[in-house]
């Protein structure tokens, strides 16, 4: 990625995040750690009920990132924000936020949850040592839909991370360019 493209990406990300956070004051208030822990555990269990493949993958994962509620809104410029937890060995070890910015043809608002199964030490170490994980940079991440999930098994898991999006509510029409960054937060 060129320096000018990184600057543009950073500017778009910062602008959309500021617009999103500025327009919805409740998002600026961080969830209490206990609430976030509980919501993440519930989101993970809901995923396992709707997609048994996710539970199979979880057993092989080195760590699991769970974002129980992401709020996304946009009208030409857009963004999303949510907070989540990193789980290792079934216990919460750290807290993160997920921020995205987008621009293009888009209108609407939605909420959703997403879970990222970190399958390799490379993915876990990258998350721990980086100042934020930008999707598309660093370890390979595969977005899992129903078709991919049907073909995954413990013998076909070869990528660094697998992401599942669940519990989508609302309506968002979009044909846009989007960037997502996951960063550590303090609780």
C-alpha atoms as a PDB file:
ATOM      1  CA  UNK A   1       0.000   0.000   0.000  1.00  0.00           C
ATOM      2  CA  UNK A   2       1.461   3.357  -0.998  1.00  0.00           C
ATOM      3  CA  UNK A   3       1.967   6.141   1.519  1.00  0.00           C
ATOM      4  CA  UNK A   4      -0.642   8.370  -0.144  1.00  0.00           C
ATOM      5  CA  UNK A   5      -3.163   5.533  -0.162  1.00  0.00           C
ATOM      6  CA  UNK A   6      -2.500   4.853   3.542  1.00  0.00           C
ATOM      7  CA  UNK A   7      -3.045   8.541   4.290  1.00  0.00           C
ATOM      8  CA  UNK A   8      -6.311   8.561   2.341  1.00  0.00           C
ATOM      9  CA  UNK A   9      -7.420   5.362   4.092  1.00  0.00           C
ATOM     10  CA  UNK A  10      -6.572   6.852   7.493  1.00  0.00           C
ATOM     11  CA  UNK A  11      -8.347  10.120   6.690  1.00  0.00           C
ATOM     12  CA  UNK A  12     -11.506   8.340   5.508  1.00  0.00           C
ATOM     13  CA  UNK A  13     -11.433   6.053   8.563  1.00  0.00           C
ATOM     14  CA  UNK A  14     -10.965   8.928  11.004  1.00  0.00           C
ATOM     15  CA  UNK A  15     -13.630  11.098   9.347  1.00  0.00           C
ATOM     16  CA  UNK A  16     -16.251   8.372   9.282  1.00  0.00           C
ATOM     17  CA  UNK A  17     -15.508   7.292  12.844  1.00  0.00           C
ATOM     18  CA  UNK A  18     -15.762  10.883  14.051  1.00  0.00           C
ATOM     19  CA  UNK A  19     -19.056  11.381  12.209  1.00  0.00           C
ATOM     20  CA  UNK A  20     -20.464   8.130  13.508  1.00  0.00           C
ATOM     21  CA  UNK A  21     -19.367   8.681  17.103  1.00  0.00           C
ATOM     22  CA  UNK A  22     -20.326  12.342  17.072  1.00  0.00           C
ATOM     23  CA  UNK A  23     -23.827  11.643  15.775  1.00  0.00           C
ATOM     24  CA  UNK A  24     -24.638   8.902  18.256  1.00  0.00           C
ATOM     25  CA  UNK A  25     -23.605   9.884  21.755  1.00  0.00           C
ATOM     26  CA  UNK A  26     -24.480   6.495  23.238  1.00  0.00           C
ATOM     27  CA  UNK A  27     -21.769   4.816  21.169  1.00  0.00           C
ATOM     28  CA  UNK A  28     -19.136   7.034  22.728  1.00  0.00           C
ATOM     29  CA  UNK A  29     -19.925   5.548  26.120  1.00  0.00           C
ATOM     30  CA  UNK A  30     -17.952   2.363  26.571  1.00  0.00           C
ATOM     31  CA  UNK A  31     -19.743  -0.728  27.753  1.00  0.00           C
ATOM     32  CA  UNK A  32     -18.849  -1.970  31.204  1.00  0.00           C
ATOM     33  CA  UNK A  33     -16.423  -4.895  31.117  1.00  0.00           C
ATOM     34  CA  UNK A  34     -18.914  -7.247  32.797  1.00  0.00           C
ATOM     35  CA  UNK A  35     -21.653  -6.367  30.291  1.00  0.00           C
ATOM     36  CA  UNK A  36     -19.281  -6.841  27.386  1.00  0.00           C
ATOM     37  CA  UNK A  37     -18.106 -10.215  28.749  1.00  0.00           C
ATOM     38  CA  UNK A  38     -21.713 -11.393  29.137  1.00  0.00           C
ATOM     39  CA  UNK A  39     -22.822 -10.113  25.720  1.00  0.00           C
ATOM     40  CA  UNK A  40     -19.810 -11.723  24.023  1.00  0.00           C
ATOM     41  CA  UNK A  41     -20.506 -15.100  25.658  1.00  0.00           C
ATOM     42  CA  UNK A  42     -24.159 -14.896  24.555  1.00  0.00           C
ATOM     43  CA  UNK A  43     -23.185 -13.939  20.979  1.00  0.00           C
ATOM     44  CA  UNK A  44     -20.754 -16.855  20.796  1.00  0.00           C
ATOM     45  CA  UNK A  45     -23.355 -19.341  22.062  1.00  0.00           C
ATOM     46  CA  UNK A  46     -25.928 -17.969  19.587  1.00  0.00           C
ATOM     47  CA  UNK A  47     -23.420 -18.479  16.753  1.00  0.00           C
ATOM     48  CA  UNK A  48     -22.791 -22.073  17.835  1.00  0.00           C
ATOM     49  CA  UNK A  49     -26.555 -22.776  17.807  1.00  0.00           C
ATOM     50  CA  UNK A  50     -27.060 -21.371  14.308  1.00  0.00           C
ATOM     51  CA  UNK A  51     -23.801 -22.628  12.807  1.00  0.00           C
ATOM     52  CA  UNK A  52     -22.375 -25.857  14.265  1.00  0.00           C
ATOM     53  CA  UNK A  53     -19.256 -25.478  12.080  1.00  0.00           C
ATOM     54  CA  UNK A  54     -18.298 -22.456  14.177  1.00  0.00           C
ATOM     55  CA  UNK A  55     -18.150 -24.621  17.298  1.00  0.00           C
ATOM     56  CA  UNK A  56     -15.903 -27.127  15.506  1.00  0.00           C
ATOM     57  CA  UNK A  57     -13.587 -24.283  14.468  1.00  0.00           C
ATOM     58  CA  UNK A  58     -13.605 -22.865  18.015  1.00  0.00           C
ATOM     59  CA  UNK A  59     -12.128 -26.086  19.370  1.00  0.00           C
ATOM     60  CA  UNK A  60      -9.074 -25.626  17.104  1.00  0.00           C
ATOM     61  CA  UNK A  61      -8.745 -21.852  17.525  1.00  0.00           C
ATOM     62  CA  UNK A  62      -5.828 -20.343  19.456  1.00  0.00           C
ATOM     63  CA  UNK A  63      -8.036 -17.372  20.424  1.00  0.00           C
ATOM     64  CA  UNK A  64     -11.467 -15.949  19.588  1.00  0.00           C
ATOM     65  CA  UNK A  65     -12.397 -12.292  19.040  1.00  0.00           C
ATOM     66  CA  UNK A  66     -16.093 -11.664  19.737  1.00  0.00           C
ATOM     67  CA  UNK A  67     -17.810  -8.378  18.871  1.00  0.00           C
ATOM     68  CA  UNK A  68     -21.389  -8.832  20.147  1.00  0.00           C
ATOM     69  CA  UNK A  69     -22.784  -5.599  18.685  1.00  0.00           C
ATOM     70  CA  UNK A  70     -21.454  -3.502  15.845  1.00  0.00           C
ATOM     71  CA  UNK A  71     -23.503  -0.456  14.825  1.00  0.00           C
ATOM     72  CA  UNK A  72     -23.121   0.598  11.192  1.00  0.00           C
ATOM     73  CA  UNK A  73     -24.659   3.661   9.502  1.00  0.00           C
ATOM     74  CA  UNK A  74     -24.031   5.521   6.314  1.00  0.00           C
ATOM     75  CA  UNK A  75     -25.247   7.966   3.727  1.00  0.00           C
ATOM     76  CA  UNK A  76     -22.475   8.323   1.123  1.00  0.00           C
ATOM     77  CA  UNK A  77     -19.936   8.411   4.006  1.00  0.00           C
ATOM     78  CA  UNK A  78     -20.390   5.802   6.663  1.00  0.00           C
ATOM     79  CA  UNK A  79     -18.818   3.961   9.497  1.00  0.00           C
ATOM     80  CA  UNK A  80     -19.272   1.356  12.144  1.00  0.00           C
ATOM     81  CA  UNK A  81     -18.193   0.885  15.730  1.00  0.00           C
ATOM     82  CA  UNK A  82     -18.363  -1.851  18.324  1.00  0.00           C
ATOM     83  CA  UNK A  83     -16.469  -3.274  21.253  1.00  0.00           C
ATOM     84  CA  UNK A  84     -15.495  -6.855  21.871  1.00  0.00           C
ATOM     85  CA  UNK A  85     -13.383  -9.315  23.779  1.00  0.00           C
ATOM     86  CA  UNK A  86     -10.483 -11.640  23.077  1.00  0.00           C
ATOM     87  CA  UNK A  87     -10.985 -15.070  24.585  1.00  0.00           C
ATOM     88  CA  UNK A  88      -8.287 -17.674  25.174  1.00  0.00           C
ATOM     89  CA  UNK A  89      -9.101 -20.956  26.818  1.00  0.00           C
ATOM     90  CA  UNK A  90     -12.713 -19.836  27.306  1.00  0.00           C
ATOM     91  CA  UNK A  91     -11.695 -16.786  29.370  1.00  0.00           C
ATOM     92  CA  UNK A  92     -11.654 -13.108  28.448  1.00  0.00           C
ATOM     93  CA  UNK A  93      -8.045 -11.898  28.266  1.00  0.00           C
ATOM     94  CA  UNK A  94      -8.334  -8.522  26.533  1.00  0.00           C
ATOM     95  CA  UNK A  95     -10.711  -5.931  25.076  1.00  0.00           C
ATOM     96  CA  UNK A  96     -10.818  -4.471  21.571  1.00  0.00           C
ATOM     97  CA  UNK A  97     -12.833  -2.140  19.422  1.00  0.00           C
ATOM     98  CA  UNK A  98     -13.697  -2.464  15.766  1.00  0.00           C
ATOM     99  CA  UNK A  99     -13.945   0.727  13.712  1.00  0.00           C
ATOM    100  CA  UNK A 100     -14.653   0.944  10.026  1.00  0.00           C
ATOM    101  CA  UNK A 101     -15.068   3.753   7.572  1.00  0.00           C
ATOM    102  CA  UNK A 102     -16.595   3.641   4.133  1.00  0.00           C
ATOM    103  CA  UNK A 103     -17.470   5.874   1.251  1.00  0.00           C
ATOM    104  CA  UNK A 104     -19.465   5.273  -1.873  1.00  0.00           C
ATOM    105  CA  UNK A 105     -23.055   4.517  -2.687  1.00  0.00           C
ATOM    106  CA  UNK A 106     -24.639   3.562   0.644  1.00  0.00           C
ATOM    107  CA  UNK A 107     -27.646   4.393   2.759  1.00  0.00           C
ATOM    108  CA  UNK A 108     -29.114   2.926   5.928  1.00  0.00           C
ATOM    109  CA  UNK A 109     -28.222   1.549   9.314  1.00  0.00           C
ATOM    110  CA  UNK A 110     -27.788  -1.900  10.781  1.00  0.00           C
ATOM    111  CA  UNK A 111     -26.405  -3.770  13.745  1.00  0.00           C
ATOM    112  CA  UNK A 112     -24.645  -7.110  13.690  1.00  0.00           C
ATOM    113  CA  UNK A 113     -22.258  -9.283  15.660  1.00  0.00           C
ATOM    114  CA  UNK A 114     -19.090 -10.850  14.382  1.00  0.00           C
ATOM    115  CA  UNK A 115     -16.720 -13.474  15.637  1.00  0.00           C
ATOM    116  CA  UNK A 116     -13.157 -14.014  14.408  1.00  0.00           C
ATOM    117  CA  UNK A 117     -11.499 -17.344  15.146  1.00  0.00           C
ATOM    118  CA  UNK A 118      -7.711 -16.896  15.265  1.00  0.00           C
ATOM    119  CA  UNK A 119      -6.313 -20.220  14.139  1.00  0.00           C
ATOM    120  CA  UNK A 120      -2.570 -19.624  14.165  1.00  0.00           C
ATOM    121  CA  UNK A 121       0.050 -18.265  16.513  1.00  0.00           C
ATOM    122  CA  UNK A 122       0.885 -15.844  13.682  1.00  0.00           C
ATOM    123  CA  UNK A 123      -2.613 -14.301  13.889  1.00  0.00           C
ATOM    124  CA  UNK A 124      -2.623 -14.113  17.700  1.00  0.00           C
ATOM    125  CA  UNK A 125       0.879 -12.595  17.795  1.00  0.00           C
ATOM    126  CA  UNK A 126       0.033 -10.076  15.074  1.00  0.00           C
ATOM    127  CA  UNK A 127      -3.012  -8.915  17.051  1.00  0.00           C
ATOM    128  CA  UNK A 128      -0.951  -8.677  20.250  1.00  0.00           C
ATOM    129  CA  UNK A 129       1.999  -6.803  18.739  1.00  0.00           C
ATOM    130  CA  UNK A 130       0.320  -4.551  16.185  1.00  0.00           C
ATOM    131  CA  UNK A 131      -1.214  -1.191  16.981  1.00  0.00           C
ATOM    132  CA  UNK A 132      -4.389  -2.401  15.358  1.00  0.00           C
ATOM    133  CA  UNK A 133      -5.277  -5.062  12.857  1.00  0.00           C
ATOM    134  CA  UNK A 134      -6.487  -3.697   9.548  1.00  0.00           C
ATOM    135  CA  UNK A 135      -8.397  -6.327   7.607  1.00  0.00           C
ATOM    136  CA  UNK A 136      -6.549  -6.936   4.367  1.00  0.00           C
ATOM    137  CA  UNK A 137      -3.181  -6.342   6.041  1.00  0.00           C
ATOM    138  CA  UNK A 138      -1.363  -9.006   8.049  1.00  0.00           C
ATOM    139  CA  UNK A 139      -2.605 -12.566   8.550  1.00  0.00           C
ATOM    140  CA  UNK A 140      -5.115 -14.066   6.106  1.00  0.00           C
ATOM    141  CA  UNK A 141      -8.758 -13.792   7.194  1.00  0.00           C
ATOM    142  CA  UNK A 142     -11.622 -15.635   5.519  1.00  0.00           C
ATOM    143  CA  UNK A 143     -15.197 -14.367   5.824  1.00  0.00           C
ATOM    144  CA  UNK A 144     -17.344 -17.464   6.281  1.00  0.00           C
ATOM    145  CA  UNK A 145     -20.784 -17.663   4.678  1.00  0.00           C
ATOM    146  CA  UNK A 146     -23.131 -20.660   4.541  1.00  0.00           C
ATOM    147  CA  UNK A 147     -21.474 -22.127   1.451  1.00  0.00           C
ATOM    148  CA  UNK A 148     -17.969 -21.960   2.898  1.00  0.00           C
ATOM    149  CA  UNK A 149     -19.158 -23.232   6.300  1.00  0.00           C
ATOM    150  CA  UNK A 150     -20.583 -26.414   4.736  1.00  0.00           C
ATOM    151  CA  UNK A 151     -17.158 -27.248   3.308  1.00  0.00           C
ATOM    152  CA  UNK A 152     -15.068 -26.508   6.403  1.00  0.00           C
ATOM    153  CA  UNK A 153     -13.829 -29.284   8.631  1.00  0.00           C
ATOM    154  CA  UNK A 154     -10.910 -29.724  10.985  1.00  0.00           C
ATOM    155  CA  UNK A 155      -8.860 -31.096   8.092  1.00  0.00           C
ATOM    156  CA  UNK A 156      -9.580 -28.150   5.737  1.00  0.00           C
ATOM    157  CA  UNK A 157      -8.764 -25.324   8.167  1.00  0.00           C
ATOM    158  CA  UNK A 158      -5.657 -23.771   6.642  1.00  0.00           C
ATOM    159  CA  UNK A 159      -6.076 -19.992   6.987  1.00  0.00           C
ATOM    160  CA  UNK A 160      -4.967 -17.743   9.867  1.00  0.00           C
ATOM    161  CA  UNK A 161      -8.447 -16.520  10.815  1.00  0.00           C
ATOM    162  CA  UNK A 162     -12.121 -17.168  10.044  1.00  0.00           C
ATOM    163  CA  UNK A 163     -14.822 -14.524  10.561  1.00  0.00           C
ATOM    164  CA  UNK A 164     -18.548 -15.168  11.002  1.00  0.00           C
ATOM    165  CA  UNK A 165     -21.114 -12.357  10.852  1.00  0.00           C
ATOM    166  CA  UNK A 166     -24.354 -13.017  12.745  1.00  0.00           C
ATOM    167  CA  UNK A 167     -27.458 -11.364  14.160  1.00  0.00           C
ATOM    168  CA  UNK A 168     -27.862  -8.782  11.380  1.00  0.00           C
ATOM    169  CA  UNK A 169     -30.707  -6.340  11.996  1.00  0.00           C
ATOM    170  CA  UNK A 170     -31.694  -3.225  10.086  1.00  0.00           C
ATOM    171  CA  UNK A 171     -31.291  -2.297   6.455  1.00  0.00           C
ATOM    172  CA  UNK A 172     -28.107  -1.147   4.761  1.00  0.00           C
ATOM    173  CA  UNK A 173     -27.759  -0.822   0.997  1.00  0.00           C
ATOM    174  CA  UNK A 174     -24.138  -0.450   0.043  1.00  0.00           C
ATOM    175  CA  UNK A 175     -21.779  -0.429  -2.884  1.00  0.00           C
ATOM    176  CA  UNK A 176     -18.795   1.160  -1.215  1.00  0.00           C
ATOM    177  CA  UNK A 177     -15.132   0.904  -0.306  1.00  0.00           C
ATOM    178  CA  UNK A 178     -14.631   0.018   3.330  1.00  0.00           C
ATOM    179  CA  UNK A 179     -11.730  -0.442   5.721  1.00  0.00           C
ATOM    180  CA  UNK A 180     -11.890  -2.028   9.163  1.00  0.00           C
ATOM    181  CA  UNK A 181      -9.413  -1.744  12.006  1.00  0.00           C
ATOM    182  CA  UNK A 182      -9.380  -3.652  15.296  1.00  0.00           C
ATOM    183  CA  UNK A 183      -7.523  -1.998  18.181  1.00  0.00           C
ATOM    184  CA  UNK A 184      -6.906  -2.830  21.847  1.00  0.00           C
ATOM    185  CA  UNK A 185      -8.811  -0.802  24.441  1.00  0.00           C
ATOM    186  CA  UNK A 186      -8.496  -0.650  28.215  1.00  0.00           C
ATOM    187  CA  UNK A 187     -11.163  -1.860  30.620  1.00  0.00           C
END
